[in-house]
Amino acid sequence: MVQVNIDEAKTNLPRLLQRVESGEEIIINKNGAPVARLVPIERAREHEKSEPELGEDVGNAWIADDFDAPLPNELTAAFEGASDEHPH
């Protein structure tokens, strides 16, 4: 893995991209600290999250039996902005 500073990367970008196209990974440093990584596009895609599979979360969640039951009046009032202290 090659490391270059920002000025070197700006000056030599076409040459660095040729190296990346041939499979190399280039790290770009700013003030001695890595800030970016140039990688071939296919390798970059490997790091992307893949699409979830249908049914992949089966068994990881549940819904309570009373999920759609009416809320208690005081909770409904709180959601609607009503309170006992300041009636509308």
PDB file of N, CA and C in Angstrom:
ATOM      1  N   MET A   1       0.844  -1.165   0.000  1.00  0.00           N
ATOM      2  CA  MET A   1       0.000   0.000   0.000  1.00  0.00           C
ATOM      3  C   MET A   1       0.895   1.235   0.000  1.00  0.00           C
ATOM      4  N   VAL A   2       0.628   2.138  -0.941  1.00  0.00           N
ATOM      5  CA  VAL A   2       1.408   3.356  -1.113  1.00  0.00           C
ATOM      6  C   VAL A   2       0.729   4.484  -0.344  1.00  0.00           C
ATOM      7  N   GLN A   3       1.549   5.330   0.299  1.00  0.00           N
ATOM      8  CA  GLN A   3       1.019   6.510   0.976  1.00  0.00           C
ATOM      9  C   GLN A   3       1.660   7.751   0.370  1.00  0.00           C
ATOM     10  N   VAL A   4       0.821   8.764   0.092  1.00  0.00           N
ATOM     11  CA  VAL A   4       1.317  10.018  -0.464  1.00  0.00           C
ATOM     12  C   VAL A   4       0.661  11.177   0.282  1.00  0.00           C
ATOM     13  N   ASN A   5       1.314  12.344   0.272  1.00  0.00           N
ATOM     14  CA  ASN A   5       0.686  13.508   0.887  1.00  0.00           C
ATOM     15  C   ASN A   5      -0.214  14.187  -0.146  1.00  0.00           C
ATOM     16  N   ILE A   6      -1.001  15.140   0.301  1.00  0.00           N
ATOM     17  CA  ILE A   6      -1.981  15.797  -0.577  1.00  0.00           C
ATOM     18  C   ILE A   6      -1.314  16.468  -1.774  1.00  0.00           C
ATOM     19  N   ASP A   7      -0.232  17.190  -1.543  1.00  0.00           N
ATOM     20  CA  ASP A   7       0.438  17.878  -2.663  1.00  0.00           C
ATOM     21  C   ASP A   7       0.919  16.886  -3.709  1.00  0.00           C
ATOM     22  N   GLU A   8       1.486  15.780  -3.244  1.00  0.00           N
ATOM     23  CA  GLU A   8       1.959  14.734  -4.157  1.00  0.00           C
ATOM     24  C   GLU A   8       0.781  14.136  -4.933  1.00  0.00           C
ATOM     25  N   ALA A   9      -0.349  13.948  -4.239  1.00  0.00           N
ATOM     26  CA  ALA A   9      -1.530  13.377  -4.894  1.00  0.00           C
ATOM     27  C   ALA A   9      -2.067  14.324  -5.966  1.00  0.00           C
ATOM     28  N   LYS A  10      -2.110  15.631  -5.661  1.00  0.00           N
ATOM     29  CA  LYS A  10      -2.600  16.601  -6.656  1.00  0.00           C
ATOM     30  C   LYS A  10      -1.686  16.634  -7.877  1.00  0.00           C
ATOM     31  N   THR A  11      -0.403  16.615  -7.635  1.00  0.00           N
ATOM     32  CA  THR A  11       0.559  16.695  -8.727  1.00  0.00           C
ATOM     33  C   THR A  11       0.545  15.439  -9.587  1.00  0.00           C
ATOM     34  N   ASN A  12       0.364  14.289  -8.974  1.00  0.00           N
ATOM     35  CA  ASN A  12       0.524  13.004  -9.665  1.00  0.00           C
ATOM     36  C   ASN A  12      -0.771  12.205  -9.802  1.00  0.00           C
ATOM     37  N   LEU A  13      -1.913  12.870  -9.728  1.00  0.00           N
ATOM     38  CA  LEU A  13      -3.178  12.130  -9.745  1.00  0.00           C
ATOM     39  C   LEU A  13      -3.324  11.189 -10.937  1.00  0.00           C
ATOM     40  N   PRO A  14      -3.051  11.609 -12.160  1.00  0.00           N
ATOM     41  CA  PRO A  14      -3.203  10.654 -13.274  1.00  0.00           C
ATOM     42  C   PRO A  14      -2.345   9.401 -13.096  1.00  0.00           C
ATOM     43  N   ARG A  15      -1.119   9.564 -12.645  1.00  0.00           N
ATOM     44  CA  ARG A  15      -0.234   8.414 -12.439  1.00  0.00           C
ATOM     45  C   ARG A  15      -0.742   7.539 -11.284  1.00  0.00           C
ATOM     46  N   LEU A  16      -1.229   8.178 -10.228  1.00  0.00           N
ATOM     47  CA  LEU A  16      -1.776   7.405  -9.104  1.00  0.00           C
ATOM     48  C   LEU A  16      -3.008   6.622  -9.536  1.00  0.00           C
ATOM     49  N   LEU A  17      -3.854   7.229 -10.360  1.00  0.00           N
ATOM     50  CA  LEU A  17      -5.043   6.519 -10.839  1.00  0.00           C
ATOM     51  C   LEU A  17      -4.680   5.324 -11.707  1.00  0.00           C
ATOM     52  N   GLN A  18      -3.613   5.431 -12.482  1.00  0.00           N
ATOM     53  CA  GLN A  18      -3.153   4.277 -13.260  1.00  0.00           C
ATOM     54  C   GLN A  18      -2.763   3.135 -12.325  1.00  0.00           C
ATOM     55  N   ARG A  19      -2.092   3.477 -11.242  1.00  0.00           N
ATOM     56  CA  ARG A  19      -1.688   2.438 -10.279  1.00  0.00           C
ATOM     57  C   ARG A  19      -2.911   1.814  -9.627  1.00  0.00           C
ATOM     58  N   VAL A  20      -3.913   2.656  -9.317  1.00  0.00           N
ATOM     59  CA  VAL A  20      -5.148   2.144  -8.723  1.00  0.00           C
ATOM     60  C   VAL A  20      -5.863   1.219  -9.706  1.00  0.00           C
ATOM     61  N   GLU A  21      -5.910   1.605 -10.973  1.00  0.00           N
ATOM     62  CA  GLU A  21      -6.552   0.765 -11.986  1.00  0.00           C
ATOM     63  C   GLU A  21      -5.882  -0.598 -12.109  1.00  0.00           C
ATOM     64  N   SER A  22      -4.580  -0.656 -11.780  1.00  0.00           N
ATOM     65  CA  SER A  22      -3.885  -1.943 -11.851  1.00  0.00           C
ATOM     66  C   SER A  22      -4.023  -2.737 -10.552  1.00  0.00           C
ATOM     67  N   GLY A  23      -4.813  -2.214  -9.604  1.00  0.00           N
ATOM     68  CA  GLY A  23      -5.115  -2.985  -8.395  1.00  0.00           C
ATOM     69  C   GLY A  23      -4.491  -2.471  -7.112  1.00  0.00           C
ATOM     70  N   GLU A  24      -3.660  -1.433  -7.189  1.00  0.00           N
ATOM     71  CA  GLU A  24      -3.039  -0.904  -5.969  1.00  0.00           C
ATOM     72  C   GLU A  24      -4.017  -0.065  -5.172  1.00  0.00           C
ATOM     73  N   GLU A  25      -3.733   0.055  -3.894  1.00  0.00           N
ATOM     74  CA  GLU A  25      -4.475   0.931  -2.998  1.00  0.00           C
ATOM     75  C   GLU A  25      -3.548   2.073  -2.617  1.00  0.00           C
ATOM     76  N   ILE A  26      -4.039   3.307  -2.711  1.00  0.00           N
ATOM     77  CA  ILE A  26      -3.238   4.485  -2.395  1.00  0.00           C
ATOM     78  C   ILE A  26      -3.889   5.218  -1.228  1.00  0.00           C
ATOM     79  N   ILE A  27      -3.121   5.514  -0.198  1.00  0.00           N
ATOM     80  CA  ILE A  27      -3.597   6.295   0.942  1.00  0.00           C
ATOM     81  C   ILE A  27      -3.094   7.718   0.779  1.00  0.00           C
ATOM     82  N   ILE A  28      -3.986   8.694   0.941  1.00  0.00           N
ATOM     83  CA  ILE A  28      -3.601  10.104   0.862  1.00  0.00           C
ATOM     84  C   ILE A  28      -3.581  10.665   2.282  1.00  0.00           C
ATOM     85  N   ASN A  29      -2.435  11.258   2.638  1.00  0.00           N
ATOM     86  CA  ASN A  29      -2.252  11.818   3.980  1.00  0.00           C
ATOM     87  C   ASN A  29      -2.327  13.337   3.946  1.00  0.00           C
ATOM     88  N   LYS A  30      -2.832  13.906   5.018  1.00  0.00           N
ATOM     89  CA  LYS A  30      -2.829  15.353   5.216  1.00  0.00           C
ATOM     90  C   LYS A  30      -2.161  15.605   6.560  1.00  0.00           C
ATOM     91  N   ASN A  31      -1.086  16.372   6.531  1.00  0.00           N
ATOM     92  CA  ASN A  31      -0.302  16.628   7.750  1.00  0.00           C
ATOM     93  C   ASN A  31       0.122  15.326   8.423  1.00  0.00           C
ATOM     94  N   GLY A  32       0.459  14.326   7.629  1.00  0.00           N
ATOM     95  CA  GLY A  32       0.956  13.067   8.154  1.00  0.00           C
ATOM     96  C   GLY A  32      -0.105  12.073   8.585  1.00  0.00           C
ATOM     97  N   ALA A  33      -1.386  12.455   8.526  1.00  0.00           N
ATOM     98  CA  ALA A  33      -2.467  11.551   8.947  1.00  0.00           C
ATOM     99  C   ALA A  33      -3.289  11.131   7.725  1.00  0.00           C
ATOM    100  N   PRO A  34      -3.659   9.856   7.624  1.00  0.00           N
ATOM    101  CA  PRO A  34      -4.451   9.392   6.486  1.00  0.00           C
ATOM    102  C   PRO A  34      -5.839  10.029   6.484  1.00  0.00           C
ATOM    103  N   VAL A  35      -6.262  10.530   5.301  1.00  0.00           N
ATOM    104  CA  VAL A  35      -7.587  11.146   5.182  1.00  0.00           C
ATOM    105  C   VAL A  35      -8.426  10.532   4.063  1.00  0.00           C
ATOM    106  N   ALA A  36      -7.795   9.836   3.137  1.00  0.00           N
ATOM    107  CA  ALA A  36      -8.551   9.249   2.029  1.00  0.00           C
ATOM    108  C   ALA A  36      -7.828   8.019   1.504  1.00  0.00           C
ATOM    109  N   ARG A  37      -8.618   7.144   0.849  1.00  0.00           N
ATOM    110  CA  ARG A  37      -8.045   5.934   0.265  1.00  0.00           C
ATOM    111  C   ARG A  37      -8.563   5.817  -1.161  1.00  0.00           C
ATOM    112  N   LEU A  38      -7.652   5.700  -2.105  1.00  0.00           N
ATOM    113  CA  LEU A  38      -8.019   5.440  -3.491  1.00  0.00           C
ATOM    114  C   LEU A  38      -7.939   3.939  -3.711  1.00  0.00           C
ATOM    115  N   VAL A  39      -9.044   3.360  -4.123  1.00  0.00           N
ATOM    116  CA  VAL A  39      -9.076   1.919  -4.389  1.00  0.00           C
ATOM    117  C   VAL A  39      -9.790   1.687  -5.714  1.00  0.00           C
ATOM    118  N   PRO A  40      -9.491   0.585  -6.389  1.00  0.00           N
ATOM    119  CA  PRO A  40     -10.224   0.276  -7.615  1.00  0.00           C
ATOM    120  C   PRO A  40     -11.722   0.202  -7.321  1.00  0.00           C
ATOM    121  N   ILE A  41     -12.533   0.621  -8.255  1.00  0.00           N
ATOM    122  CA  ILE A  41     -13.978   0.701  -8.038  1.00  0.00           C
ATOM    123  C   ILE A  41     -14.573  -0.634  -7.613  1.00  0.00           C
ATOM    124  N   GLU A  42     -14.114  -1.745  -8.134  1.00  0.00           N
ATOM    125  CA  GLU A  42     -14.645  -3.047  -7.729  1.00  0.00           C
ATOM    126  C   GLU A  42     -14.338  -3.321  -6.267  1.00  0.00           C
ATOM    127  N   ARG A  43     -13.155  -2.956  -5.786  1.00  0.00           N
ATOM    128  CA  ARG A  43     -12.824  -3.148  -4.378  1.00  0.00           C
ATOM    129  C   ARG A  43     -13.655  -2.222  -3.512  1.00  0.00           C
ATOM    130  N   ALA A  44     -13.956  -1.021  -3.998  1.00  0.00           N
ATOM    131  CA  ALA A  44     -14.784  -0.090  -3.234  1.00  0.00           C
ATOM    132  C   ALA A  44     -16.180  -0.668  -3.058  1.00  0.00           C
ATOM    133  N   ARG A  45     -16.704  -1.322  -4.089  1.00  0.00           N
ATOM    134  CA  ARG A  45     -18.043  -1.911  -4.000  1.00  0.00           C
ATOM    135  C   ARG A  45     -18.105  -3.039  -2.984  1.00  0.00           C
ATOM    136  N   GLU A  46     -17.001  -3.727  -2.757  1.00  0.00           N
ATOM    137  CA  GLU A  46     -16.985  -4.803  -1.768  1.00  0.00           C
ATOM    138  C   GLU A  46     -17.293  -4.274  -0.378  1.00  0.00           C
ATOM    139  N   HIS A  47     -16.966  -2.996  -0.129  1.00  0.00           N
ATOM    140  CA  HIS A  47     -17.175  -2.405   1.189  1.00  0.00           C
ATOM    141  C   HIS A  47     -18.589  -1.865   1.368  1.00  0.00           C
ATOM    142  N   GLU A  48     -19.336  -1.736   0.271  1.00  0.00           N
ATOM    143  CA  GLU A  48     -20.703  -1.243   0.353  1.00  0.00           C
ATOM    144  C   GLU A  48     -21.589  -2.323   0.955  1.00  0.00           C
ATOM    145  N   LYS A  49     -22.623  -1.886   1.679  1.00  0.00           N
ATOM    146  CA  LYS A  49     -23.559  -2.834   2.273  1.00  0.00           C
ATOM    147  C   LYS A  49     -24.392  -3.461   1.166  1.00  0.00           C
ATOM    148  N   SER A  50     -24.509  -4.753   1.195  1.00  0.00           N
ATOM    149  CA  SER A  50     -25.320  -5.433   0.199  1.00  0.00           C
ATOM    150  C   SER A  50     -26.802  -5.262   0.540  1.00  0.00           C
ATOM    151  N   GLU A  51     -27.638  -5.476  -0.448  1.00  0.00           N
ATOM    152  CA  GLU A  51     -29.076  -5.386  -0.243  1.00  0.00           C
ATOM    153  C   GLU A  51     -29.519  -6.479   0.732  1.00  0.00           C
ATOM    154  N   PRO A  52     -30.428  -6.157   1.639  1.00  0.00           N
ATOM    155  CA  PRO A  52     -30.906  -7.189   2.570  1.00  0.00           C
ATOM    156  C   PRO A  52     -31.691  -8.273   1.833  1.00  0.00           C
ATOM    157  N   GLU A  53     -31.606  -9.463   2.325  1.00  0.00           N
ATOM    158  CA  GLU A  53     -32.334 -10.593   1.755  1.00  0.00           C
ATOM    159  C   GLU A  53     -33.744 -10.626   2.343  1.00  0.00           C
ATOM    160  N   LEU A  54     -34.729 -10.980   1.545  1.00  0.00           N
ATOM    161  CA  LEU A  54     -36.097 -11.111   2.014  1.00  0.00           C
ATOM    162  C   LEU A  54     -36.155 -12.181   3.098  1.00  0.00           C
ATOM    163  N   GLY A  55     -36.705 -11.839   4.246  1.00  0.00           N
ATOM    164  CA  GLY A  55     -36.838 -12.783   5.343  1.00  0.00           C
ATOM    165  C   GLY A  55     -35.616 -12.893   6.231  1.00  0.00           C
ATOM    166  N   GLU A  56     -34.599 -12.081   5.999  1.00  0.00           N
ATOM    167  CA  GLU A  56     -33.351 -12.172   6.744  1.00  0.00           C
ATOM    168  C   GLU A  56     -33.529 -11.883   8.239  1.00  0.00           C
ATOM    169  N   ASP A  57     -34.560 -11.112   8.608  1.00  0.00           N
ATOM    170  CA  ASP A  57     -34.770 -10.765  10.015  1.00  0.00           C
ATOM    171  C   ASP A  57     -35.879 -11.569  10.678  1.00  0.00           C
ATOM    172  N   VAL A  58     -36.323 -12.634  10.048  1.00  0.00           N
ATOM    173  CA  VAL A  58     -37.380 -13.452  10.630  1.00  0.00           C
ATOM    174  C   VAL A  58     -36.933 -13.941  12.006  1.00  0.00           C
ATOM    175  N   GLY A  59     -37.804 -13.732  13.003  1.00  0.00           N
ATOM    176  CA  GLY A  59     -37.509 -14.183  14.359  1.00  0.00           C
ATOM    177  C   GLY A  59     -36.762 -13.154  15.188  1.00  0.00           C
ATOM    178  N   ASN A  60     -36.369 -12.021  14.612  1.00  0.00           N
ATOM    179  CA  ASN A  60     -35.631 -11.006  15.357  1.00  0.00           C
ATOM    180  C   ASN A  60     -36.524  -9.924  15.947  1.00  0.00           C
ATOM    181  N   ALA A  61     -37.816  -9.962  15.671  1.00  0.00           N
ATOM    182  CA  ALA A  61     -38.733  -8.949  16.191  1.00  0.00           C
ATOM    183  C   ALA A  61     -40.056  -9.619  16.524  1.00  0.00           C
ATOM    184  N   TRP A  62     -40.827  -8.948  17.373  1.00  0.00           N
ATOM    185  CA  TRP A  62     -42.161  -9.444  17.680  1.00  0.00           C
ATOM    186  C   TRP A  62     -43.072  -8.249  17.880  1.00  0.00           C
ATOM    187  N   ILE A  63     -44.361  -8.472  17.716  1.00  0.00           N
ATOM    188  CA  ILE A  63     -45.363  -7.434  17.909  1.00  0.00           C
ATOM    189  C   ILE A  63     -46.283  -7.894  19.028  1.00  0.00           C
ATOM    190  N   ALA A  64     -46.466  -7.028  20.005  1.00  0.00           N
ATOM    191  CA  ALA A  64     -47.325  -7.356  21.151  1.00  0.00           C
ATOM    192  C   ALA A  64     -48.751  -7.594  20.678  1.00  0.00           C
ATOM    193  N   ASP A  65     -49.467  -8.454  21.408  1.00  0.00           N
ATOM    194  CA  ASP A  65     -50.852  -8.763  21.050  1.00  0.00           C
ATOM    195  C   ASP A  65     -51.735  -7.524  21.071  1.00  0.00           C
ATOM    196  N   ASP A  66     -51.431  -6.568  21.952  1.00  0.00           N
ATOM    197  CA  ASP A  66     -52.253  -5.364  22.071  1.00  0.00           C
ATOM    198  C   ASP A  66     -51.658  -4.177  21.302  1.00  0.00           C
ATOM    199  N   PHE A  67     -50.852  -4.451  20.292  1.00  0.00           N
ATOM    200  CA  PHE A  67     -50.178  -3.409  19.522  1.00  0.00           C
ATOM    201  C   PHE A  67     -51.132  -2.317  19.029  1.00  0.00           C
ATOM    202  N   ASP A  68     -52.279  -2.727  18.524  1.00  0.00           N
ATOM    203  CA  ASP A  68     -53.203  -1.756  17.957  1.00  0.00           C
ATOM    204  C   ASP A  68     -54.350  -1.386  18.898  1.00  0.00           C
ATOM    205  N   ALA A  69     -54.201  -1.688  20.182  1.00  0.00           N
ATOM    206  CA  ALA A  69     -55.211  -1.319  21.173  1.00  0.00           C
ATOM    207  C   ALA A  69     -55.172   0.196  21.391  1.00  0.00           C
ATOM    208  N   PRO A  70     -56.303   0.794  21.748  1.00  0.00           N
ATOM    209  CA  PRO A  70     -56.316   2.234  22.001  1.00  0.00           C
ATOM    210  C   PRO A  70     -55.364   2.593  23.146  1.00  0.00           C
ATOM    211  N   LEU A  71     -54.757   3.776  23.032  1.00  0.00           N
ATOM    212  CA  LEU A  71     -53.855   4.262  24.081  1.00  0.00           C
ATOM    213  C   LEU A  71     -54.664   4.786  25.251  1.00  0.00           C
ATOM    214  N   PRO A  72     -54.087   4.760  26.448  1.00  0.00           N
ATOM    215  CA  PRO A  72     -54.776   5.378  27.601  1.00  0.00           C
ATOM    216  C   PRO A  72     -55.012   6.863  27.307  1.00  0.00           C
ATOM    217  N   ASN A  73     -56.109   7.416  27.859  1.00  0.00           N
ATOM    218  CA  ASN A  73     -56.484   8.805  27.600  1.00  0.00           C
ATOM    219  C   ASN A  73     -55.360   9.786  27.910  1.00  0.00           C
ATOM    220  N   GLU A  74     -54.650   9.597  29.038  1.00  0.00           N
ATOM    221  CA  GLU A  74     -53.590  10.543  29.406  1.00  0.00           C
ATOM    222  C   GLU A  74     -52.433  10.511  28.405  1.00  0.00           C
ATOM    223  N   LEU A  75     -52.138   9.355  27.827  1.00  0.00           N
ATOM    224  CA  LEU A  75     -51.076   9.270  26.828  1.00  0.00           C
ATOM    225  C   LEU A  75     -51.522   9.906  25.518  1.00  0.00           C
ATOM    226  N   THR A  76     -52.756   9.667  25.123  1.00  0.00           N
ATOM    227  CA  THR A  76     -53.299  10.310  23.928  1.00  0.00           C
ATOM    228  C   THR A  76     -53.265  11.823  24.082  1.00  0.00           C
ATOM    229  N   ALA A  77     -53.659  12.317  25.253  1.00  0.00           N
ATOM    230  CA  ALA A  77     -53.651  13.755  25.516  1.00  0.00           C
ATOM    231  C   ALA A  77     -52.228  14.311  25.425  1.00  0.00           C
ATOM    232  N   ALA A  78     -51.256  13.576  25.931  1.00  0.00           N
ATOM    233  CA  ALA A  78     -49.866  14.036  25.873  1.00  0.00           C
ATOM    234  C   ALA A  78     -49.385  14.141  24.430  1.00  0.00           C
ATOM    235  N   PHE A  79     -49.763  13.181  23.602  1.00  0.00           N
ATOM    236  CA  PHE A  79     -49.381  13.238  22.194  1.00  0.00           C
ATOM    237  C   PHE A  79     -50.063  14.400  21.481  1.00  0.00           C
ATOM    238  N   GLU A  80     -51.269  14.723  21.892  1.00  0.00           N
ATOM    239  CA  GLU A  80     -52.006  15.800  21.253  1.00  0.00           C
ATOM    240  C   GLU A  80     -51.676  17.164  21.837  1.00  0.00           C
ATOM    241  N   GLY A  81     -50.788  17.191  22.814  1.00  0.00           N
ATOM    242  CA  GLY A  81     -50.346  18.465  23.392  1.00  0.00           C
ATOM    243  C   GLY A  81     -51.206  18.951  24.521  1.00  0.00           C
ATOM    244  N   ALA A  82     -52.156  18.181  24.952  1.00  0.00           N
ATOM    245  CA  ALA A  82     -52.998  18.588  26.077  1.00  0.00           C
ATOM    246  C   ALA A  82     -52.330  18.206  27.385  1.00  0.00           C
ATOM    247  N   SER A  83     -52.594  18.953  28.428  1.00  0.00           N
ATOM    248  CA  SER A  83     -52.093  18.578  29.752  1.00  0.00           C
ATOM    249  C   SER A  83     -53.110  19.013  30.791  1.00  0.00           C
ATOM    250  N   ASP A  84     -53.017  18.427  31.979  1.00  0.00           N
ATOM    251  CA  ASP A  84     -53.935  18.774  33.063  1.00  0.00           C
ATOM    252  C   ASP A  84     -53.701  20.199  33.550  1.00  0.00           C
ATOM    253  N   GLU A  85     -52.459  20.687  33.467  1.00  0.00           N
ATOM    254  CA  GLU A  85     -52.114  22.007  33.989  1.00  0.00           C
ATOM    255  C   GLU A  85     -52.600  23.127  33.094  1.00  0.00           C
ATOM    256  N   HIS A  86     -52.611  22.923  31.795  1.00  0.00           N
ATOM    257  CA  HIS A  86     -52.962  23.973  30.839  1.00  0.00           C
ATOM    258  C   HIS A  86     -54.029  23.480  29.870  1.00  0.00           C
ATOM    259  N   PRO A  87     -55.278  23.414  30.285  1.00  0.00           N
ATOM    260  CA  PRO A  87     -56.323  22.948  29.368  1.00  0.00           C
ATOM    261  C   PRO A  87     -56.513  23.917  28.206  1.00  0.00           C
ATOM    262  N   HIS A  88     -56.884  23.364  27.040  1.00  0.00           N
ATOM    263  CA  HIS A  88     -57.083  24.191  25.848  1.00  0.00           C
ATOM    264  C   HIS A  88     -58.425  24.818  25.825  1.00  0.00           C
TER     265      HIS A  88
END
